[in-house]
Amino acid sequence: MILEPVPAGGVPPVLGELTALYASQRAFHTLSGEFPDPADIRPEQVAQAVAGELAHPDGEVLLARVEGRLVAVVNTLARHPDPADPDPWIGLLLVDAAQQGKGYGRQAAELTEARFRAAGRQAVRLAVLDGNHAGLAFWKSLGYTPLAHRHDRALNRPCTVLRKPLRTPRQAARTAVVDPEGAVFLFRYDNSEVGVHWALPGGGLEPGETPREGAARELAEETGWTDLVPGPLLCTWEHDFTRAGVPVRQHEHIYVTPGPRRDPTASARAAHLAEGILGGRWWTPAGLAAPAEPVWPPDLGRLLAERAR
């Protein structure tokens, strides 16, 4: 999918495509009330609507194309008229009704979020009209959380305002060190977003570093065990948390290796507080089966048990 902005004054060349797309969503326009007759949406009406979006100094109209075909349109606002609102907005995401069910709406939303993220924005908001149950479910599935219920500024329509933090992608790697009895060493962390949890030694990759190299470096730094080398890949997984005040979507490679049962060295423990590490201990397979606090990844016990068979 390619997402391209409509330049100011650039509506006429794409007006036919836009009109057909708008007209395909009769049910939505019946709900929104933005066109006099949702069954008869005309090019001049669409041109007026798009021109209104482009007339705003912070407004953009983005066209989503797949193999040259227009499949969706996204209206955005870099800055809301309310000075107390710090976030950009998605004003409209409309998918060609004939192209629904192919994931184009999700792709268009993610590309729009990427544009805001590249501009340094930390979150995005949007409003879903009351009665648009499918729309509300769609945005919630993308990680948007209801923030408030109010009437919109344009037509005083009741709607739900939703917000989503724009997370920075981060690559990381960890190592599951397993002792001869099957116990694994975990650190206990406290994070401002997700709270207390347990995770394997590891962390973010440095520029140019492979996941395996990063896992080895992080293991040595956090435990002082310089004699261990990450073994086979156990799994990969993604999770969200906040690091140094920045919302992050972290993709992790997790390796496994055998090792003796011991504590981290004193020099390694001295740096734990700065990393949010509260402590660490060895977890038995029975403990992993019923943890009192969250363990990352959540199915670590099952993965290790299956590998041991």
C-alpha atoms as a PDB file:
ATOM      1  CA  MET A   1       0.000   0.000   0.000  1.00  0.00           C
ATOM      2  CA  ILE A   2       1.135   3.524  -0.847  1.00  0.00           C
ATOM      3  CA  LEU A   3      -0.177   6.501   1.114  1.00  0.00           C
ATOM      4  CA  GLU A   4       0.145   9.806  -0.722  1.00  0.00           C
ATOM      5  CA  PRO A   5      -1.175  13.267   0.194  1.00  0.00           C
ATOM      6  CA  VAL A   6      -3.506  15.221  -2.054  1.00  0.00           C
ATOM      7  CA  PRO A   7      -1.815  18.585  -2.706  1.00  0.00           C
ATOM      8  CA  ALA A   8      -3.754  21.799  -2.305  1.00  0.00           C
ATOM      9  CA  GLY A   9      -5.640  22.353  -5.536  1.00  0.00           C
ATOM     10  CA  GLY A  10      -5.054  18.741  -6.539  1.00  0.00           C
ATOM     11  CA  VAL A  11      -8.575  17.381  -6.079  1.00  0.00           C
ATOM     12  CA  PRO A  12      -9.931  17.422  -9.688  1.00  0.00           C
ATOM     13  CA  PRO A  13      -7.632  14.702 -11.133  1.00  0.00           C
ATOM     14  CA  VAL A  14      -8.795  12.219  -8.497  1.00  0.00           C
ATOM     15  CA  LEU A  15     -12.317  13.515  -8.021  1.00  0.00           C
ATOM     16  CA  GLY A  16     -13.975  10.658  -9.913  1.00  0.00           C
ATOM     17  CA  GLU A  17     -12.178   8.031  -7.816  1.00  0.00           C
ATOM     18  CA  LEU A  18     -12.915   9.859  -4.572  1.00  0.00           C
ATOM     19  CA  THR A  19     -16.589  10.266  -5.435  1.00  0.00           C
ATOM     20  CA  ALA A  20     -16.958   6.564  -6.171  1.00  0.00           C
ATOM     21  CA  LEU A  21     -15.232   5.693  -2.885  1.00  0.00           C
ATOM     22  CA  TYR A  22     -17.397   8.071  -0.852  1.00  0.00           C
ATOM     23  CA  ALA A  23     -20.565   6.855  -2.578  1.00  0.00           C
ATOM     24  CA  SER A  24     -19.726   3.230  -1.737  1.00  0.00           C
ATOM     25  CA  GLN A  25     -20.151   3.958   1.985  1.00  0.00           C
ATOM     26  CA  ARG A  26     -23.839   4.909   1.987  1.00  0.00           C
ATOM     27  CA  ALA A  27     -24.531   3.531   5.483  1.00  0.00           C
ATOM     28  CA  PHE A  28     -21.736   5.562   7.040  1.00  0.00           C
ATOM     29  CA  HIS A  29     -22.861   8.780   5.391  1.00  0.00           C
ATOM     30  CA  THR A  30     -26.434   8.121   6.484  1.00  0.00           C
ATOM     31  CA  LEU A  31     -25.116   8.024  10.053  1.00  0.00           C
ATOM     32  CA  SER A  32     -22.751  10.989   9.715  1.00  0.00           C
ATOM     33  CA  GLY A  33     -25.221  13.352   8.045  1.00  0.00           C
ATOM     34  CA  GLU A  34     -22.467  15.111   6.111  1.00  0.00           C
ATOM     35  CA  PHE A  35     -24.177  14.803   2.714  1.00  0.00           C
ATOM     36  CA  PRO A  36     -27.759  15.877   1.912  1.00  0.00           C
ATOM     37  CA  ASP A  37     -28.570  12.575   0.193  1.00  0.00           C
ATOM     38  CA  PRO A  38     -26.256   9.632   1.020  1.00  0.00           C
ATOM     39  CA  ALA A  39     -27.763   7.734  -1.921  1.00  0.00           C
ATOM     40  CA  ASP A  40     -26.752  10.491  -4.348  1.00  0.00           C
ATOM     41  CA  ILE A  41     -23.280  11.781  -3.469  1.00  0.00           C
ATOM     42  CA  ARG A  42     -22.078  14.075  -6.235  1.00  0.00           C
ATOM     43  CA  PRO A  43     -18.578  15.074  -7.356  1.00  0.00           C
ATOM     44  CA  GLU A  44     -19.047  18.720  -6.452  1.00  0.00           C
ATOM     45  CA  GLN A  45     -20.042  17.727  -2.916  1.00  0.00           C
ATOM     46  CA  VAL A  46     -16.956  15.557  -2.489  1.00  0.00           C
ATOM     47  CA  ALA A  47     -14.778  18.325  -3.951  1.00  0.00           C
ATOM     48  CA  GLN A  48     -16.209  20.754  -1.419  1.00  0.00           C
ATOM     49  CA  ALA A  49     -15.625  18.339   1.461  1.00  0.00           C
ATOM     50  CA  VAL A  50     -12.010  17.671   0.441  1.00  0.00           C
ATOM     51  CA  ALA A  51     -11.334  21.361  -0.167  1.00  0.00           C
ATOM     52  CA  GLY A  52     -12.571  22.073   3.348  1.00  0.00           C
ATOM     53  CA  GLU A  53     -10.066  19.604   4.768  1.00  0.00           C
ATOM     54  CA  LEU A  54      -7.212  21.024   2.697  1.00  0.00           C
ATOM     55  CA  ALA A  55      -8.124  24.600   3.617  1.00  0.00           C
ATOM     56  CA  HIS A  56      -7.116  23.925   7.203  1.00  0.00           C
ATOM     57  CA  PRO A  57      -3.427  24.811   7.634  1.00  0.00           C
ATOM     58  CA  ASP A  58      -2.820  21.562   9.535  1.00  0.00           C
ATOM     59  CA  GLY A  59      -5.096  19.336   7.471  1.00  0.00           C
ATOM     60  CA  GLU A  60      -4.152  16.587   5.013  1.00  0.00           C
ATOM     61  CA  VAL A  61      -6.095  14.244   2.770  1.00  0.00           C
ATOM     62  CA  LEU A  62      -4.199  11.004   2.193  1.00  0.00           C
ATOM     63  CA  LEU A  63      -4.982   8.560  -0.601  1.00  0.00           C
ATOM     64  CA  ALA A  64      -4.262   4.874  -0.014  1.00  0.00           C
ATOM     65  CA  ARG A  65      -3.528   2.920  -3.190  1.00  0.00           C
ATOM     66  CA  VAL A  66      -2.890  -0.760  -3.795  1.00  0.00           C
ATOM     67  CA  GLU A  67      -1.513  -1.613  -7.245  1.00  0.00           C
ATOM     68  CA  GLY A  68      -2.652   1.807  -8.411  1.00  0.00           C
ATOM     69  CA  ARG A  69      -6.246   1.404  -7.257  1.00  0.00           C
ATOM     70  CA  LEU A  70      -7.669   3.852  -4.706  1.00  0.00           C
ATOM     71  CA  VAL A  71      -8.847   1.712  -1.778  1.00  0.00           C
ATOM     72  CA  ALA A  72      -9.108   4.217   1.082  1.00  0.00           C
ATOM     73  CA  VAL A  73      -8.932   7.877   2.022  1.00  0.00           C
ATOM     74  CA  VAL A  74      -7.670   9.292   5.313  1.00  0.00           C
ATOM     75  CA  ASN A  75      -8.243  12.841   6.558  1.00  0.00           C
ATOM     76  CA  THR A  76      -5.829  14.004   9.247  1.00  0.00           C
ATOM     77  CA  LEU A  77      -5.285  17.071  11.365  1.00  0.00           C
ATOM     78  CA  ALA A  78      -1.793  17.729  12.699  1.00  0.00           C
ATOM     79  CA  ARG A  79      -3.085  20.074  15.393  1.00  0.00           C
ATOM     80  CA  HIS A  80      -6.547  20.261  16.909  1.00  0.00           C
ATOM     81  CA  PRO A  81      -8.222  23.687  17.186  1.00  0.00           C
ATOM     82  CA  ASP A  82      -8.396  23.170  20.956  1.00  0.00           C
ATOM     83  CA  PRO A  83      -4.998  24.410  22.252  1.00  0.00           C
ATOM     84  CA  ALA A  84      -5.317  22.073  25.251  1.00  0.00           C
ATOM     85  CA  ASP A  85      -5.233  19.040  22.924  1.00  0.00           C
ATOM     86  CA  PRO A  86      -1.599  18.064  22.213  1.00  0.00           C
ATOM     87  CA  ASP A  87      -2.284  15.235  19.760  1.00  0.00           C
ATOM     88  CA  PRO A  88      -2.839  14.985  16.005  1.00  0.00           C
ATOM     89  CA  TRP A  89      -6.179  13.573  14.827  1.00  0.00           C
ATOM     90  CA  ILE A  90      -7.484  11.134  12.262  1.00  0.00           C
ATOM     91  CA  GLY A  91     -10.677  12.829  11.142  1.00  0.00           C
ATOM     92  CA  LEU A  92     -11.829  10.158   8.718  1.00  0.00           C
ATOM     93  CA  LEU A  93     -10.718   6.779   7.420  1.00  0.00           C
ATOM     94  CA  LEU A  94     -12.979   5.560   4.646  1.00  0.00           C
ATOM     95  CA  VAL A  95     -12.386   2.281   2.805  1.00  0.00           C
ATOM     96  CA  ASP A  96     -13.995   1.424  -0.529  1.00  0.00           C
ATOM     97  CA  ALA A  97     -16.898  -0.854   0.431  1.00  0.00           C
ATOM     98  CA  ALA A  98     -15.962  -3.294  -2.340  1.00  0.00           C
ATOM     99  CA  GLN A  99     -12.456  -3.617  -0.859  1.00  0.00           C
ATOM    100  CA  GLN A 100     -13.396  -4.174   2.773  1.00  0.00           C
ATOM    101  CA  GLY A 101     -12.242  -7.322   4.551  1.00  0.00           C
ATOM    102  CA  LYS A 102      -8.766  -7.231   2.960  1.00  0.00           C
ATOM    103  CA  GLY A 103      -6.946  -5.425   5.763  1.00  0.00           C
ATOM    104  CA  TYR A 104      -6.688  -2.152   3.861  1.00  0.00           C
ATOM    105  CA  GLY A 105      -8.214  -0.123   6.691  1.00  0.00           C
ATOM    106  CA  ARG A 106      -5.651  -1.445   9.147  1.00  0.00           C
ATOM    107  CA  GLN A 107      -2.794  -0.806   6.718  1.00  0.00           C
ATOM    108  CA  ALA A 108      -3.954   2.741   6.056  1.00  0.00           C
ATOM    109  CA  ALA A 109      -4.256   3.425   9.794  1.00  0.00           C
ATOM    110  CA  GLU A 110      -0.786   2.036  10.499  1.00  0.00           C
ATOM    111  CA  LEU A 111       0.799   4.065   7.695  1.00  0.00           C
ATOM    112  CA  THR A 112      -0.937   7.187   8.975  1.00  0.00           C
ATOM    113  CA  GLU A 113       0.365   6.503  12.474  1.00  0.00           C
ATOM    114  CA  ALA A 114       3.860   6.031  11.032  1.00  0.00           C
ATOM    115  CA  ARG A 115       3.674   9.495   9.448  1.00  0.00           C
ATOM    116  CA  PHE A 116       2.807  11.053  12.793  1.00  0.00           C
ATOM    117  CA  ARG A 117       5.490   9.020  14.562  1.00  0.00           C
ATOM    118  CA  ALA A 118       8.116  10.184  12.055  1.00  0.00           C
ATOM    119  CA  ALA A 119       7.056  13.759  12.793  1.00  0.00           C
ATOM    120  CA  GLY A 120       7.822  13.190  16.466  1.00  0.00           C
ATOM    121  CA  ARG A 121       4.236  12.941  17.685  1.00  0.00           C
ATOM    122  CA  GLN A 122       3.621  10.726  20.698  1.00  0.00           C
ATOM    123  CA  ALA A 123      -0.080   9.846  20.315  1.00  0.00           C
ATOM    124  CA  VAL A 124      -3.050  10.209  17.973  1.00  0.00           C
ATOM    125  CA  ARG A 125      -6.753  10.760  18.603  1.00  0.00           C
ATOM    126  CA  LEU A 126      -9.973  10.246  16.699  1.00  0.00           C
ATOM    127  CA  ALA A 127     -13.725  10.298  17.312  1.00  0.00           C
ATOM    128  CA  VAL A 128     -16.251   7.578  16.487  1.00  0.00           C
ATOM    129  CA  LEU A 129     -19.888   8.544  16.090  1.00  0.00           C
ATOM    130  CA  ASP A 130     -22.455   6.972  18.365  1.00  0.00           C
ATOM    131  CA  GLY A 131     -24.070   4.095  16.481  1.00  0.00           C
ATOM    132  CA  ASN A 132     -20.944   3.256  14.475  1.00  0.00           C
ATOM    133  CA  HIS A 133     -20.397   0.007  16.345  1.00  0.00           C
ATOM    134  CA  ALA A 134     -18.196  -1.551  13.656  1.00  0.00           C
ATOM    135  CA  GLY A 135     -15.989   1.531  13.596  1.00  0.00           C
ATOM    136  CA  LEU A 136     -15.595   1.539  17.364  1.00  0.00           C
ATOM    137  CA  ALA A 137     -14.638  -2.157  17.371  1.00  0.00           C
ATOM    138  CA  PHE A 138     -12.153  -1.567  14.535  1.00  0.00           C
ATOM    139  CA  TRP A 139     -10.287   1.229  16.291  1.00  0.00           C
ATOM    140  CA  LYS A 140     -10.236  -0.616  19.610  1.00  0.00           C
ATOM    141  CA  SER A 141      -8.690  -3.617  17.828  1.00  0.00           C
ATOM    142  CA  LEU A 142      -5.862  -1.311  16.704  1.00  0.00           C
ATOM    143  CA  GLY A 143      -5.079  -0.307  20.275  1.00  0.00           C
ATOM    144  CA  TYR A 144      -7.146   2.878  20.601  1.00  0.00           C
ATOM    145  CA  THR A 145      -8.603   3.433  24.063  1.00  0.00           C
ATOM    146  CA  PRO A 146     -11.790   5.424  24.792  1.00  0.00           C
ATOM    147  CA  LEU A 147     -10.882   8.723  26.398  1.00  0.00           C
ATOM    148  CA  ALA A 148     -14.154  10.674  26.620  1.00  0.00           C
ATOM    149  CA  HIS A 149     -17.707  10.919  25.311  1.00  0.00           C
ATOM    150  CA  ARG A 150     -18.763  14.276  23.919  1.00  0.00           C
ATOM    151  CA  HIS A 151     -20.277  16.096  20.934  1.00  0.00           C
ATOM    152  CA  ASP A 152     -18.105  16.997  17.944  1.00  0.00           C
ATOM    153  CA  ARG A 153     -17.286  20.579  17.036  1.00  0.00           C
ATOM    154  CA  ALA A 154     -18.605  20.535  13.477  1.00  0.00           C
ATOM    155  CA  LEU A 155     -22.146  19.137  13.710  1.00  0.00           C
ATOM    156  CA  ASN A 156     -22.640  18.598  17.461  1.00  0.00           C
ATOM    157  CA  ARG A 157     -22.912  14.817  16.992  1.00  0.00           C
ATOM    158  CA  PRO A 158     -22.409  12.535  20.016  1.00  0.00           C
ATOM    159  CA  CYS A 159     -19.244  10.502  19.709  1.00  0.00           C
ATOM    160  CA  THR A 160     -16.548   8.629  21.592  1.00  0.00           C
ATOM    161  CA  VAL A 161     -13.043  10.107  21.568  1.00  0.00           C
ATOM    162  CA  LEU A 162     -10.250   7.529  21.477  1.00  0.00           C
ATOM    163  CA  ARG A 163      -6.487   7.859  21.870  1.00  0.00           C
ATOM    164  CA  LYS A 164      -3.498   5.670  21.051  1.00  0.00           C
ATOM    165  CA  PRO A 165       0.138   6.189  22.064  1.00  0.00           C
ATOM    166  CA  LEU A 166       2.434   6.046  19.047  1.00  0.00           C
ATOM    167  CA  ARG A 167       5.023   3.501  20.025  1.00  0.00           C
ATOM    168  CA  THR A 168       8.625   3.524  18.871  1.00  0.00           C
ATOM    169  CA  PRO A 169       9.765   0.179  17.420  1.00  0.00           C
ATOM    170  CA  ARG A 170      12.659  -1.344  19.362  1.00  0.00           C
ATOM    171  CA  GLN A 171      14.657  -4.503  18.729  1.00  0.00           C
ATOM    172  CA  ALA A 172      15.864  -6.493  21.735  1.00  0.00           C
ATOM    173  CA  ALA A 173      17.224  -9.915  22.697  1.00  0.00           C
ATOM    174  CA  ARG A 174      17.234 -12.036  25.865  1.00  0.00           C
ATOM    175  CA  THR A 175      18.675 -15.315  27.082  1.00  0.00           C
ATOM    176  CA  ALA A 176      16.989 -18.023  29.133  1.00  0.00           C
ATOM    177  CA  VAL A 177      19.745 -19.564  31.265  1.00  0.00           C
ATOM    178  CA  VAL A 178      18.529 -22.976  32.453  1.00  0.00           C
ATOM    179  CA  ASP A 179      20.246 -24.845  35.298  1.00  0.00           C
ATOM    180  CA  PRO A 180      20.629 -28.680  35.459  1.00  0.00           C
ATOM    181  CA  GLU A 181      17.311 -28.971  37.382  1.00  0.00           C
ATOM    182  CA  GLY A 182      15.365 -27.028  34.775  1.00  0.00           C
ATOM    183  CA  ALA A 183      15.146 -23.742  36.691  1.00  0.00           C
ATOM    184  CA  VAL A 184      15.546 -20.469  34.767  1.00  0.00           C
ATOM    185  CA  PHE A 185      16.955 -17.159  35.994  1.00  0.00           C
ATOM    186  CA  LEU A 186      14.657 -14.099  35.834  1.00  0.00           C
ATOM    187  CA  PHE A 187      14.940 -10.457  36.835  1.00  0.00           C
ATOM    188  CA  ARG A 188      12.094  -8.595  38.557  1.00  0.00           C
ATOM    189  CA  TYR A 189      11.289  -5.236  36.930  1.00  0.00           C
ATOM    190  CA  ASP A 190       9.000  -2.318  37.758  1.00  0.00           C
ATOM    191  CA  ASN A 191       7.777  -0.360  34.725  1.00  0.00           C
ATOM    192  CA  SER A 192       5.742   2.845  34.776  1.00  0.00           C
ATOM    193  CA  GLU A 193       3.257   1.479  32.224  1.00  0.00           C
ATOM    194  CA  VAL A 194       2.954  -2.251  32.861  1.00  0.00           C
ATOM    195  CA  GLY A 195       3.970  -2.469  36.508  1.00  0.00           C
ATOM    196  CA  VAL A 196       5.927  -5.254  38.203  1.00  0.00           C
ATOM    197  CA  HIS A 197       6.886  -8.247  36.049  1.00  0.00           C
ATOM    198  CA  TRP A 198       9.649 -10.820  35.591  1.00  0.00           C
ATOM    199  CA  ALA A 199      11.826 -11.093  32.484  1.00  0.00           C
ATOM    200  CA  LEU A 200      14.955 -12.816  31.245  1.00  0.00           C
ATOM    201  CA  PRO A 201      18.335 -11.067  31.188  1.00  0.00           C
ATOM    202  CA  GLY A 202      18.570  -8.948  28.063  1.00  0.00           C
ATOM    203  CA  GLY A 203      17.705  -5.623  26.468  1.00  0.00           C
ATOM    204  CA  GLY A 204      17.816  -3.433  23.397  1.00  0.00           C
ATOM    205  CA  LEU A 205      20.191  -3.999  20.517  1.00  0.00           C
ATOM    206  CA  GLU A 206      22.940  -1.540  19.705  1.00  0.00           C
ATOM    207  CA  PRO A 207      23.335  -0.183  16.126  1.00  0.00           C
ATOM    208  CA  GLY A 208      24.652  -2.858  13.787  1.00  0.00           C
ATOM    209  CA  GLU A 209      24.296  -5.596  16.385  1.00  0.00           C
ATOM    210  CA  THR A 210      22.625  -8.922  15.587  1.00  0.00           C
ATOM    211  CA  PRO A 211      20.059 -10.316  18.054  1.00  0.00           C
ATOM    212  CA  ARG A 212      22.432 -13.097  19.121  1.00  0.00           C
ATOM    213  CA  GLU A 213      25.287 -10.631  19.667  1.00  0.00           C
ATOM    214  CA  GLY A 214      22.973  -8.364  21.661  1.00  0.00           C
ATOM    215  CA  ALA A 215      21.738 -11.271  23.785  1.00  0.00           C
ATOM    216  CA  ALA A 216      25.333 -12.248  24.643  1.00  0.00           C
ATOM    217  CA  ARG A 217      26.361  -8.690  25.503  1.00  0.00           C
ATOM    218  CA  GLU A 218      23.271  -8.018  27.639  1.00  0.00           C
ATOM    219  CA  LEU A 219      23.647 -11.330  29.487  1.00  0.00           C
ATOM    220  CA  ALA A 220      27.247 -10.498  30.398  1.00  0.00           C
ATOM    221  CA  GLU A 221      26.397  -6.919  31.427  1.00  0.00           C
ATOM    222  CA  GLU A 222      23.388  -7.798  33.592  1.00  0.00           C
ATOM    223  CA  THR A 223      24.675 -10.985  35.240  1.00  0.00           C
ATOM    224  CA  GLY A 224      28.454 -10.885  34.910  1.00  0.00           C
ATOM    225  CA  TRP A 225      28.344 -14.417  33.478  1.00  0.00           C
ATOM    226  CA  THR A 226      30.858 -13.968  30.700  1.00  0.00           C
ATOM    227  CA  ASP A 227      31.346 -17.700  30.191  1.00  0.00           C
ATOM    228  CA  LEU A 228      27.885 -18.310  28.693  1.00  0.00           C
ATOM    229  CA  VAL A 229      26.916 -18.075  25.014  1.00  0.00           C
ATOM    230  CA  PRO A 230      23.275 -17.855  23.842  1.00  0.00           C
ATOM    231  CA  GLY A 231      22.215 -21.152  22.305  1.00  0.00           C
ATOM    232  CA  PRO A 232      19.252 -21.993  20.038  1.00  0.00           C
ATOM    233  CA  LEU A 233      16.427 -19.535  19.420  1.00  0.00           C
ATOM    234  CA  LEU A 234      13.552 -20.312  21.774  1.00  0.00           C
ATOM    235  CA  CYS A 235      10.989 -17.863  20.379  1.00  0.00           C
ATOM    236  CA  THR A 236      10.301 -14.296  19.247  1.00  0.00           C
ATOM    237  CA  TRP A 237       7.546 -12.085  20.610  1.00  0.00           C
ATOM    238  CA  GLU A 238       6.357  -8.474  20.805  1.00  0.00           C
ATOM    239  CA  HIS A 239       5.106  -6.444  23.735  1.00  0.00           C
ATOM    240  CA  ASP A 240       4.425  -2.840  24.745  1.00  0.00           C
ATOM    241  CA  PHE A 241       5.923  -0.863  27.598  1.00  0.00           C
ATOM    242  CA  THR A 242       7.328   2.586  28.350  1.00  0.00           C
ATOM    243  CA  ARG A 243      11.081   3.114  28.404  1.00  0.00           C
ATOM    244  CA  ALA A 244      12.582   6.401  29.612  1.00  0.00           C
ATOM    245  CA  GLY A 245       9.205   8.047  29.142  1.00  0.00           C
ATOM    246  CA  VAL A 246       8.810   6.819  25.539  1.00  0.00           C
ATOM    247  CA  PRO A 247       6.046   4.316  24.597  1.00  0.00           C
ATOM    248  CA  VAL A 248       7.786   1.358  22.931  1.00  0.00           C
ATOM    249  CA  ARG A 249       6.702  -1.670  20.878  1.00  0.00           C
ATOM    250  CA  GLN A 250       9.528  -4.124  21.497  1.00  0.00           C
ATOM    251  CA  HIS A 251      10.340  -7.128  19.291  1.00  0.00           C
ATOM    252  CA  GLU A 252      12.464  -9.682  21.111  1.00  0.00           C
ATOM    253  CA  HIS A 253      14.560 -12.671  20.106  1.00  0.00           C
ATOM    254  CA  ILE A 254      14.830 -15.100  23.015  1.00  0.00           C
ATOM    255  CA  TYR A 255      17.612 -17.671  23.139  1.00  0.00           C
ATOM    256  CA  VAL A 256      18.201 -20.530  25.573  1.00  0.00           C
ATOM    257  CA  THR A 257      21.419 -21.926  26.999  1.00  0.00           C
ATOM    258  CA  PRO A 258      22.418 -24.259  29.878  1.00  0.00           C
ATOM    259  CA  GLY A 259      24.319 -22.810  32.819  1.00  0.00           C
ATOM    260  CA  PRO A 260      25.157 -23.417  36.476  1.00  0.00           C
ATOM    261  CA  ARG A 261      22.927 -22.101  39.249  1.00  0.00           C
ATOM    262  CA  ARG A 262      24.537 -18.962  40.691  1.00  0.00           C
ATOM    263  CA  ASP A 263      23.837 -15.300  41.463  1.00  0.00           C
ATOM    264  CA  PRO A 264      24.802 -12.302  39.322  1.00  0.00           C
ATOM    265  CA  THR A 265      28.189 -10.820  40.182  1.00  0.00           C
ATOM    266  CA  ALA A 266      28.463  -7.823  42.488  1.00  0.00           C
ATOM    267  CA  SER A 267      29.646  -5.552  39.660  1.00  0.00           C
ATOM    268  CA  ALA A 268      26.622  -6.503  37.541  1.00  0.00           C
ATOM    269  CA  ARG A 269      24.178  -5.951  40.436  1.00  0.00           C
ATOM    270  CA  ALA A 270      25.518  -2.419  40.927  1.00  0.00           C
ATOM    271  CA  ALA A 271      23.962  -1.333  37.614  1.00  0.00           C
ATOM    272  CA  HIS A 272      20.552  -2.956  38.139  1.00  0.00           C
ATOM    273  CA  LEU A 273      18.754  -0.007  39.733  1.00  0.00           C
ATOM    274  CA  ALA A 274      19.354   2.226  36.713  1.00  0.00           C
ATOM    275  CA  GLU A 275      17.685  -0.417  34.522  1.00  0.00           C
ATOM    276  CA  GLY A 276      14.615  -0.714  36.751  1.00  0.00           C
ATOM    277  CA  ILE A 277      15.694  -4.138  38.026  1.00  0.00           C
ATOM    278  CA  LEU A 278      14.404  -4.820  41.530  1.00  0.00           C
ATOM    279  CA  GLY A 279      16.173  -8.141  41.981  1.00  0.00           C
ATOM    280  CA  GLY A 280      16.402 -11.612  40.527  1.00  0.00           C
ATOM    281  CA  ARG A 281      16.057 -15.283  41.336  1.00  0.00           C
ATOM    282  CA  TRP A 282      15.864 -18.763  39.852  1.00  0.00           C
ATOM    283  CA  TRP A 283      12.384 -20.010  38.930  1.00  0.00           C
ATOM    284  CA  THR A 284      11.545 -23.704  38.956  1.00  0.00           C
ATOM    285  CA  PRO A 285       9.264 -25.208  36.297  1.00  0.00           C
ATOM    286  CA  ALA A 286       6.517 -25.468  38.938  1.00  0.00           C
ATOM    287  CA  GLY A 287       6.887 -21.774  39.765  1.00  0.00           C
ATOM    288  CA  LEU A 288       6.625 -20.790  36.101  1.00  0.00           C
ATOM    289  CA  ALA A 289       3.449 -22.846  35.767  1.00  0.00           C
ATOM    290  CA  ALA A 290       1.621 -20.643  38.308  1.00  0.00           C
ATOM    291  CA  PRO A 291       3.461 -17.314  38.709  1.00  0.00           C
ATOM    292  CA  ALA A 292       2.121 -14.841  41.270  1.00  0.00           C
ATOM    293  CA  GLU A 293       3.339 -11.931  39.089  1.00  0.00           C
ATOM    294  CA  PRO A 294       3.500 -11.601  35.285  1.00  0.00           C
ATOM    295  CA  VAL A 295       6.358 -13.363  33.508  1.00  0.00           C
ATOM    296  CA  TRP A 296       7.569 -12.290  30.058  1.00  0.00           C
ATOM    297  CA  PRO A 297       7.000 -13.934  27.674  1.00  0.00           C
ATOM    298  CA  PRO A 298       3.759 -15.201  29.246  1.00  0.00           C
ATOM    299  CA  ASP A 299       4.230 -18.753  27.929  1.00  0.00           C
ATOM    300  CA  LEU A 300       7.893 -19.070  28.937  1.00  0.00           C
ATOM    301  CA  GLY A 301       7.235 -22.100  31.150  1.00  0.00           C
ATOM    302  CA  ARG A 302       5.480 -23.998  28.362  1.00  0.00           C
ATOM    303  CA  LEU A 303       8.192 -23.155  25.816  1.00  0.00           C
ATOM    304  CA  LEU A 304      10.965 -24.384  28.105  1.00  0.00           C
ATOM    305  CA  ALA A 305       9.025 -27.540  29.024  1.00  0.00           C
ATOM    306  CA  GLU A 306       8.430 -28.407  25.368  1.00  0.00           C
ATOM    307  CA  ARG A 307      12.090 -27.894  24.554  1.00  0.00           C
ATOM    308  CA  ALA A 308      13.165 -30.142  27.429  1.00  0.00           C
ATOM    309  CA  ARG A 309      11.132 -33.102  26.178  1.00  0.00           C
END
